[in-house]
């Protein structure tokens, strides 16, 4: 079944490292729009970004990969993923 027809999933990602909040938020919004996933920023500061994302499972994987590489001025050192997170 194509990714666009799979049931929506949810995940909450915590990206930790050296984060520039404005840059990271803009990058996340752009990637979410390109992948057609819903994005909610839970928390964002200079050391971590916690993002809740909903969409097709394959697209959540793609979002995780893109954000792991992050914008050029941020360094993501660790990613924590909680699937189908409701908090």
PDB file of N, CA and C in Angstrom:
ATOM      1  N   UNK A   1       0.844  -1.169   0.000  1.00  0.00           N
ATOM      2  CA  UNK A   1       0.000   0.000   0.000  1.00  0.00           C
ATOM      3  C   UNK A   1       0.900   1.246   0.000  1.00  0.00           C
ATOM      4  N   UNK A   2       0.631   2.222  -0.858  1.00  0.00           N
ATOM      5  CA  UNK A   2       1.449   3.441  -0.884  1.00  0.00           C
ATOM      6  C   UNK A   2       1.413   4.169   0.453  1.00  0.00           C
ATOM      7  N   UNK A   3       2.505   4.882   0.780  1.00  0.00           N
ATOM      8  CA  UNK A   3       2.612   5.592   2.054  1.00  0.00           C
ATOM      9  C   UNK A   3       1.443   6.534   2.271  1.00  0.00           C
ATOM     10  N   UNK A   4       0.955   7.186   1.215  1.00  0.00           N
ATOM     11  CA  UNK A   4      -0.114   8.164   1.361  1.00  0.00           C
ATOM     12  C   UNK A   4      -1.448   7.516   1.735  1.00  0.00           C
ATOM     13  N   UNK A   5      -1.567   6.193   1.577  1.00  0.00           N
ATOM     14  CA  UNK A   5      -2.827   5.524   1.897  1.00  0.00           C
ATOM     15  C   UNK A   5      -2.758   4.701   3.178  1.00  0.00           C
ATOM     16  N   UNK A   6      -1.607   4.651   3.796  1.00  0.00           N
ATOM     17  CA  UNK A   6      -1.486   3.929   5.060  1.00  0.00           C
ATOM     18  C   UNK A   6      -2.127   4.751   6.164  1.00  0.00           C
ATOM     19  N   UNK A   7      -2.620   4.074   7.209  1.00  0.00           N
ATOM     20  CA  UNK A   7      -3.217   4.818   8.314  1.00  0.00           C
ATOM     21  C   UNK A   7      -2.195   5.741   8.963  1.00  0.00           C
ATOM     22  N   UNK A   8      -2.684   6.867   9.459  1.00  0.00           N
ATOM     23  CA  UNK A   8      -1.793   7.834  10.109  1.00  0.00           C
ATOM     24  C   UNK A   8      -1.262   7.260  11.420  1.00  0.00           C
ATOM     25  N   UNK A   9      -0.031   7.592  11.695  1.00  0.00           N
ATOM     26  CA  UNK A   9       0.614   7.236  12.953  1.00  0.00           C
ATOM     27  C   UNK A   9       1.048   8.524  13.615  1.00  0.00           C
ATOM     28  N   UNK A  10       1.375   8.423  14.901  1.00  0.00           N
ATOM     29  CA  UNK A  10       1.899   9.576  15.627  1.00  0.00           C
ATOM     30  C   UNK A  10       3.185   9.171  16.314  1.00  0.00           C
ATOM     31  N   UNK A  11       4.071  10.132  16.434  1.00  0.00           N
ATOM     32  CA  UNK A  11       5.303   9.909  17.172  1.00  0.00           C
ATOM     33  C   UNK A  11       5.750  11.234  17.775  1.00  0.00           C
ATOM     34  N   UNK A  12       6.394  11.130  18.923  1.00  0.00           N
ATOM     35  CA  UNK A  12       7.021  12.296  19.525  1.00  0.00           C
ATOM     36  C   UNK A  12       8.519  12.060  19.496  1.00  0.00           C
ATOM     37  N   UNK A  13       9.226  13.025  18.915  1.00  0.00           N
ATOM     38  CA  UNK A  13      10.679  12.952  18.789  1.00  0.00           C
ATOM     39  C   UNK A  13      11.311  13.976  19.716  1.00  0.00           C
ATOM     40  N   UNK A  14      12.389  13.586  20.366  1.00  0.00           N
ATOM     41  CA  UNK A  14      13.215  14.526  21.101  1.00  0.00           C
ATOM     42  C   UNK A  14      14.595  14.499  20.466  1.00  0.00           C
ATOM     43  N   UNK A  15      14.971  15.622  19.876  1.00  0.00           N
ATOM     44  CA  UNK A  15      16.272  15.793  19.240  1.00  0.00           C
ATOM     45  C   UNK A  15      17.138  16.587  20.206  1.00  0.00           C
ATOM     46  N   UNK A  16      18.230  15.988  20.667  1.00  0.00           N
ATOM     47  CA  UNK A  16      19.106  16.641  21.641  1.00  0.00           C
ATOM     48  C   UNK A  16      20.453  16.952  21.013  1.00  0.00           C
ATOM     49  N   UNK A  17      21.041  18.054  21.465  1.00  0.00           N
ATOM     50  CA  UNK A  17      22.358  18.444  20.963  1.00  0.00           C
ATOM     51  C   UNK A  17      22.534  19.938  21.077  1.00  0.00           C
ATOM     52  N   UNK A  18      23.154  20.504  20.073  1.00  0.00           N
ATOM     53  CA  UNK A  18      23.333  21.953  20.003  1.00  0.00           C
ATOM     54  C   UNK A  18      22.288  22.484  19.030  1.00  0.00           C
ATOM     55  N   UNK A  19      21.239  23.066  19.585  1.00  0.00           N
ATOM     56  CA  UNK A  19      20.074  23.468  18.803  1.00  0.00           C
ATOM     57  C   UNK A  19      19.972  24.992  18.771  1.00  0.00           C
ATOM     58  N   UNK A  20      19.769  25.526  17.608  1.00  0.00           N
ATOM     59  CA  UNK A  20      19.432  26.941  17.468  1.00  0.00           C
ATOM     60  C   UNK A  20      17.921  26.958  17.255  1.00  0.00           C
ATOM     61  N   UNK A  21      17.158  27.338  18.285  1.00  0.00           N
ATOM     62  CA  UNK A  21      15.706  27.180  18.247  1.00  0.00           C
ATOM     63  C   UNK A  21      15.015  27.744  17.002  1.00  0.00           C
ATOM     64  N   UNK A  22      15.323  28.964  16.613  1.00  0.00           N
ATOM     65  CA  UNK A  22      14.639  29.553  15.452  1.00  0.00           C
ATOM     66  C   UNK A  22      14.939  28.777  14.177  1.00  0.00           C
ATOM     67  N   UNK A  23      16.190  28.450  13.980  1.00  0.00           N
ATOM     68  CA  UNK A  23      16.606  27.714  12.799  1.00  0.00           C
ATOM     69  C   UNK A  23      15.992  26.311  12.774  1.00  0.00           C
ATOM     70  N   UNK A  24      16.024  25.639  13.923  1.00  0.00           N
ATOM     71  CA  UNK A  24      15.494  24.275  14.005  1.00  0.00           C
ATOM     72  C   UNK A  24      13.986  24.276  13.757  1.00  0.00           C
ATOM     73  N   UNK A  25      13.277  25.238  14.329  1.00  0.00           N
ATOM     74  CA  UNK A  25      11.822  25.323  14.146  1.00  0.00           C
ATOM     75  C   UNK A  25      11.467  25.563  12.685  1.00  0.00           C
ATOM     76  N   UNK A  26      12.198  26.451  12.032  1.00  0.00           N
ATOM     77  CA  UNK A  26      11.939  26.734  10.621  1.00  0.00           C
ATOM     78  C   UNK A  26      12.219  25.499   9.762  1.00  0.00           C
ATOM     79  N   UNK A  27      13.327  24.824  10.040  1.00  0.00           N
ATOM     80  CA  UNK A  27      13.691  23.617   9.309  1.00  0.00           C
ATOM     81  C   UNK A  27      12.631  22.529   9.502  1.00  0.00           C
ATOM     82  N   UNK A  28      12.175  22.339  10.741  1.00  0.00           N
ATOM     83  CA  UNK A  28      11.158  21.324  11.033  1.00  0.00           C
ATOM     84  C   UNK A  28       9.847  21.629  10.301  1.00  0.00           C
ATOM     85  N   UNK A  29       9.430  22.886  10.327  1.00  0.00           N
ATOM     86  CA  UNK A  29       8.185  23.265   9.643  1.00  0.00           C
ATOM     87  C   UNK A  29       8.300  23.027   8.139  1.00  0.00           C
ATOM     88  N   UNK A  30       9.444  23.358   7.576  1.00  0.00           N
ATOM     89  CA  UNK A  30       9.645  23.155   6.142  1.00  0.00           C
ATOM     90  C   UNK A  30       9.631  21.670   5.792  1.00  0.00           C
ATOM     91  N   UNK A  31      10.329  20.851   6.567  1.00  0.00           N
ATOM     92  CA  UNK A  31      10.360  19.405   6.303  1.00  0.00           C
ATOM     93  C   UNK A  31       8.975  18.783   6.491  1.00  0.00           C
ATOM     94  N   UNK A  32       8.268  19.178   7.520  1.00  0.00           N
ATOM     95  CA  UNK A  32       6.922  18.642   7.758  1.00  0.00           C
ATOM     96  C   UNK A  32       5.999  18.975   6.584  1.00  0.00           C
ATOM     97  N   UNK A  33       6.078  20.202   6.091  1.00  0.00           N
ATOM     98  CA  UNK A  33       5.245  20.596   4.956  1.00  0.00           C
ATOM     99  C   UNK A  33       5.605  19.799   3.704  1.00  0.00           C
ATOM    100  N   UNK A  34       6.905  19.624   3.458  1.00  0.00           N
ATOM    101  CA  UNK A  34       7.326  18.867   2.270  1.00  0.00           C
ATOM    102  C   UNK A  34       6.892  17.417   2.336  1.00  0.00           C
ATOM    103  N   UNK A  35       6.828  16.864   3.545  1.00  0.00           N
ATOM    104  CA  UNK A  35       6.441  15.460   3.716  1.00  0.00           C
ATOM    105  C   UNK A  35       4.953  15.289   3.977  1.00  0.00           C
ATOM    106  N   UNK A  36       4.224  16.378   4.079  1.00  0.00           N
ATOM    107  CA  UNK A  36       2.779  16.350   4.355  1.00  0.00           C
ATOM    108  C   UNK A  36       2.460  15.629   5.658  1.00  0.00           C
ATOM    109  N   UNK A  37       3.211  15.974   6.703  1.00  0.00           N
ATOM    110  CA  UNK A  37       2.916  15.456   8.042  1.00  0.00           C
ATOM    111  C   UNK A  37       2.538  16.626   8.941  1.00  0.00           C
ATOM    112  N   UNK A  38       1.714  16.349   9.932  1.00  0.00           N
ATOM    113  CA  UNK A  38       1.312  17.372  10.896  1.00  0.00           C
ATOM    114  C   UNK A  38       2.413  17.514  11.938  1.00  0.00           C
ATOM    115  N   UNK A  39       2.678  18.745  12.337  1.00  0.00           N
ATOM    116  CA  UNK A  39       3.761  19.031  13.272  1.00  0.00           C
ATOM    117  C   UNK A  39       3.255  19.893  14.409  1.00  0.00           C
ATOM    118  N   UNK A  40       3.630  19.513  15.627  1.00  0.00           N
ATOM    119  CA  UNK A  40       3.343  20.312  16.819  1.00  0.00           C
ATOM    120  C   UNK A  40       4.635  20.393  17.623  1.00  0.00           C
ATOM    121  N   UNK A  41       5.091  21.603  17.888  1.00  0.00           N
ATOM    122  CA  UNK A  41       6.290  21.786  18.689  1.00  0.00           C
ATOM    123  C   UNK A  41       5.889  21.768  20.157  1.00  0.00           C
ATOM    124  N   UNK A  42       6.382  20.790  20.897  1.00  0.00           N
ATOM    125  CA  UNK A  42       6.064  20.633  22.310  1.00  0.00           C
ATOM    126  C   UNK A  42       7.000  21.482  23.155  1.00  0.00           C
ATOM    127  N   UNK A  43       8.293  21.423  22.860  1.00  0.00           N
ATOM    128  CA  UNK A  43       9.297  22.199  23.592  1.00  0.00           C
ATOM    129  C   UNK A  43      10.502  22.401  22.682  1.00  0.00           C
ATOM    130  N   UNK A  44      11.157  23.555  22.862  1.00  0.00           N
ATOM    131  CA  UNK A  44      12.296  23.865  22.007  1.00  0.00           C
ATOM    132  C   UNK A  44      13.202  24.852  22.724  1.00  0.00           C
ATOM    133  N   UNK A  45      14.473  24.453  22.911  1.00  0.00           N
ATOM    134  CA  UNK A  45      15.454  25.356  23.504  1.00  0.00           C
ATOM    135  C   UNK A  45      16.828  25.047  22.915  1.00  0.00           C
ATOM    136  N   UNK A  46      17.868  25.581  23.496  1.00  0.00           N
ATOM    137  CA  UNK A  46      19.218  25.452  22.932  1.00  0.00           C
ATOM    138  C   UNK A  46      19.813  24.055  23.054  1.00  0.00           C
ATOM    139  N   UNK A  47      19.190  23.187  23.838  1.00  0.00           N
ATOM    140  CA  UNK A  47      19.735  21.843  24.021  1.00  0.00           C
ATOM    141  C   UNK A  47      18.849  20.726  23.472  1.00  0.00           C
ATOM    142  N   UNK A  48      17.577  21.013  23.226  1.00  0.00           N
ATOM    143  CA  UNK A  48      16.682  19.954  22.751  1.00  0.00           C
ATOM    144  C   UNK A  48      15.440  20.519  22.083  1.00  0.00           C
ATOM    145  N   UNK A  49      14.888  19.713  21.198  1.00  0.00           N
ATOM    146  CA  UNK A  49      13.622  20.026  20.543  1.00  0.00           C
ATOM    147  C   UNK A  49      12.727  18.810  20.680  1.00  0.00           C
ATOM    148  N   UNK A  50      11.538  19.021  21.212  1.00  0.00           N
ATOM    149  CA  UNK A  50      10.563  17.937  21.322  1.00  0.00           C
ATOM    150  C   UNK A  50       9.426  18.253  20.370  1.00  0.00           C
ATOM    151  N   UNK A  51       9.246  17.366  19.382  1.00  0.00           N
ATOM    152  CA  UNK A  51       8.284  17.585  18.309  1.00  0.00           C
ATOM    153  C   UNK A  51       7.323  16.410  18.211  1.00  0.00           C
ATOM    154  N   UNK A  52       6.048  16.708  18.105  1.00  0.00           N
ATOM    155  CA  UNK A  52       5.030  15.672  17.893  1.00  0.00           C
ATOM    156  C   UNK A  52       4.619  15.734  16.422  1.00  0.00           C
ATOM    157  N   UNK A  53       4.624  14.574  15.776  1.00  0.00           N
ATOM    158  CA  UNK A  53       4.371  14.499  14.342  1.00  0.00           C
ATOM    159  C   UNK A  53       3.336  13.415  14.067  1.00  0.00           C
ATOM    160  N   UNK A  54       2.457  13.669  13.099  1.00  0.00           N
ATOM    161  CA  UNK A  54       1.451  12.682  12.703  1.00  0.00           C
ATOM    162  C   UNK A  54       1.435  12.580  11.184  1.00  0.00           C
ATOM    163  N   UNK A  55       1.313  11.353  10.696  1.00  0.00           N
ATOM    164  CA  UNK A  55       1.266  11.126   9.260  1.00  0.00           C
ATOM    165  C   UNK A  55       1.513   9.667   8.948  1.00  0.00           C
ATOM    166  N   UNK A  56       1.732   9.383   7.690  1.00  0.00           N
ATOM    167  CA  UNK A  56       2.003   8.008   7.261  1.00  0.00           C
ATOM    168  C   UNK A  56       3.310   7.526   7.896  1.00  0.00           C
ATOM    169  N   UNK A  57       3.362   6.263   8.325  1.00  0.00           N
ATOM    170  CA  UNK A  57       4.558   5.751   9.006  1.00  0.00           C
ATOM    171  C   UNK A  57       5.875   5.987   8.252  1.00  0.00           C
ATOM    172  N   UNK A  58       5.885   5.759   6.957  1.00  0.00           N
ATOM    173  CA  UNK A  58       7.116   5.964   6.184  1.00  0.00           C
ATOM    174  C   UNK A  58       7.535   7.431   6.185  1.00  0.00           C
ATOM    175  N   UNK A  59       6.564   8.322   6.215  1.00  0.00           N
ATOM    176  CA  UNK A  59       6.874   9.746   6.221  1.00  0.00           C
ATOM    177  C   UNK A  59       7.398  10.195   7.582  1.00  0.00           C
ATOM    178  N   UNK A  60       6.947   9.546   8.651  1.00  0.00           N
ATOM    179  CA  UNK A  60       7.509   9.843   9.974  1.00  0.00           C
ATOM    180  C   UNK A  60       8.974   9.413  10.018  1.00  0.00           C
ATOM    181  N   UNK A  61       9.271   8.279   9.403  1.00  0.00           N
ATOM    182  CA  UNK A  61      10.674   7.834   9.315  1.00  0.00           C
ATOM    183  C   UNK A  61      11.513   8.846   8.545  1.00  0.00           C
ATOM    184  N   UNK A  62      10.969   9.348   7.435  1.00  0.00           N
ATOM    185  CA  UNK A  62      11.690  10.327   6.628  1.00  0.00           C
ATOM    186  C   UNK A  62      11.895  11.627   7.402  1.00  0.00           C
ATOM    187  N   UNK A  63      10.891  12.034   8.181  1.00  0.00           N
ATOM    188  CA  UNK A  63      11.015  13.241   8.999  1.00  0.00           C
ATOM    189  C   UNK A  63      12.121  13.059  10.036  1.00  0.00           C
ATOM    190  N   UNK A  64      12.141  11.901  10.680  1.00  0.00           N
ATOM    191  CA  UNK A  64      13.179  11.623  11.673  1.00  0.00           C
ATOM    192  C   UNK A  64      14.575  11.717  11.046  1.00  0.00           C
ATOM    193  N   UNK A  65      14.743  11.142   9.879  1.00  0.00           N
ATOM    194  CA  UNK A  65      16.039  11.163   9.202  1.00  0.00           C
ATOM    195  C   UNK A  65      16.439  12.591   8.853  1.00  0.00           C
ATOM    196  N   UNK A  66      15.515  13.353   8.284  1.00  0.00           N
ATOM    197  CA  UNK A  66      15.821  14.729   7.898  1.00  0.00           C
ATOM    198  C   UNK A  66      16.199  15.569   9.107  1.00  0.00           C
ATOM    199  N   UNK A  67      15.463  15.415  10.198  1.00  0.00           N
ATOM    200  CA  UNK A  67      15.725  16.219  11.388  1.00  0.00           C
ATOM    201  C   UNK A  67      17.001  15.768  12.090  1.00  0.00           C
ATOM    202  N   UNK A  68      17.353  14.515  11.963  1.00  0.00           N
ATOM    203  CA  UNK A  68      18.610  14.022  12.537  1.00  0.00           C
ATOM    204  C   UNK A  68      19.804  14.724  11.892  1.00  0.00           C
ATOM    205  N   UNK A  69      19.686  14.993  10.610  1.00  0.00           N
ATOM    206  CA  UNK A  69      20.735  15.716   9.893  1.00  0.00           C
ATOM    207  C   UNK A  69      20.625  17.210  10.172  1.00  0.00           C
ATOM    208  N   UNK A  70      19.408  17.661  10.433  1.00  0.00           N
ATOM    209  CA  UNK A  70      19.141  19.013  10.884  1.00  0.00           C
ATOM    210  C   UNK A  70      19.626  20.116   9.988  1.00  0.00           C
ATOM    211  N   UNK A  71      19.297  21.345  10.368  1.00  0.00           N
ATOM    212  CA  UNK A  71      19.830  22.484   9.628  1.00  0.00           C
ATOM    213  C   UNK A  71      21.343  22.582   9.860  1.00  0.00           C
ATOM    214  N   UNK A  72      22.032  23.262   8.968  1.00  0.00           N
ATOM    215  CA  UNK A  72      23.493  23.317   9.003  1.00  0.00           C
ATOM    216  C   UNK A  72      24.053  23.923  10.285  1.00  0.00           C
ATOM    217  N   UNK A  73      23.287  24.783  10.956  1.00  0.00           N
ATOM    218  CA  UNK A  73      23.802  25.449  12.157  1.00  0.00           C
ATOM    219  C   UNK A  73      23.418  24.738  13.459  1.00  0.00           C
ATOM    220  N   UNK A  74      22.911  23.518  13.359  1.00  0.00           N
ATOM    221  CA  UNK A  74      22.543  22.726  14.534  1.00  0.00           C
ATOM    222  C   UNK A  74      23.274  21.385  14.480  1.00  0.00           C
ATOM    223  N   UNK A  75      23.527  20.828  15.647  1.00  0.00           N
ATOM    224  CA  UNK A  75      24.173  19.526  15.726  1.00  0.00           C
ATOM    225  C   UNK A  75      23.316  18.609  16.592  1.00  0.00           C
ATOM    226  N   UNK A  76      22.649  17.659  15.947  1.00  0.00           N
ATOM    227  CA  UNK A  76      21.817  16.696  16.664  1.00  0.00           C
ATOM    228  C   UNK A  76      22.711  15.536  17.078  1.00  0.00           C
ATOM    229  N   UNK A  77      22.794  15.305  18.369  1.00  0.00           N
ATOM    230  CA  UNK A  77      23.637  14.233  18.897  1.00  0.00           C
ATOM    231  C   UNK A  77      22.846  12.984  19.259  1.00  0.00           C
ATOM    232  N   UNK A  78      21.572  13.156  19.563  1.00  0.00           N
ATOM    233  CA  UNK A  78      20.747  12.023  19.996  1.00  0.00           C
ATOM    234  C   UNK A  78      19.303  12.248  19.594  1.00  0.00           C
ATOM    235  N   UNK A  79      18.634  11.152  19.235  1.00  0.00           N
ATOM    236  CA  UNK A  79      17.218  11.204  18.901  1.00  0.00           C
ATOM    237  C   UNK A  79      16.491  10.150  19.730  1.00  0.00           C
ATOM    238  N   UNK A  80      15.428  10.574  20.387  1.00  0.00           N
ATOM    239  CA  UNK A  80      14.559   9.649  21.113  1.00  0.00           C
ATOM    240  C   UNK A  80      13.208   9.696  20.411  1.00  0.00           C
ATOM    241  N   UNK A  81      12.645   8.500  20.157  1.00  0.00           N
ATOM    242  CA  UNK A  81      11.351   8.422  19.459  1.00  0.00           C
ATOM    243  C   UNK A  81      10.380   7.616  20.297  1.00  0.00           C
ATOM    244  N   UNK A  82       9.191   8.163  20.472  1.00  0.00           N
ATOM    245  CA  UNK A  82       8.092   7.461  21.125  1.00  0.00           C
ATOM    246  C   UNK A  82       6.938   7.389  20.145  1.00  0.00           C
ATOM    247  N   UNK A  83       6.664   6.207  19.628  1.00  0.00           N
ATOM    248  CA  UNK A  83       5.578   6.043  18.652  1.00  0.00           C
ATOM    249  C   UNK A  83       4.217   6.086  19.314  1.00  0.00           C
ATOM    250  N   UNK A  84       3.254   6.643  18.567  1.00  0.00           N
ATOM    251  CA  UNK A  84       1.872   6.744  19.018  1.00  0.00           C
ATOM    252  C   UNK A  84       1.764   7.377  20.396  1.00  0.00           C
ATOM    253  N   UNK A  85       2.596   8.371  20.631  1.00  0.00           N
ATOM    254  CA  UNK A  85       2.657   9.072  21.896  1.00  0.00           C
ATOM    255  C   UNK A  85       1.448   9.989  22.038  1.00  0.00           C
ATOM    256  N   UNK A  86       0.816   9.973  23.184  1.00  0.00           N
ATOM    257  CA  UNK A  86      -0.365  10.786  23.408  1.00  0.00           C
ATOM    258  C   UNK A  86      -0.144  11.948  24.346  1.00  0.00           C
ATOM    259  N   UNK A  87       1.090  12.130  24.853  1.00  0.00           N
ATOM    260  CA  UNK A  87       1.285  13.219  25.827  1.00  0.00           C
ATOM    261  C   UNK A  87       1.484  14.564  25.184  1.00  0.00           C
TER     262      UNK A  87
END
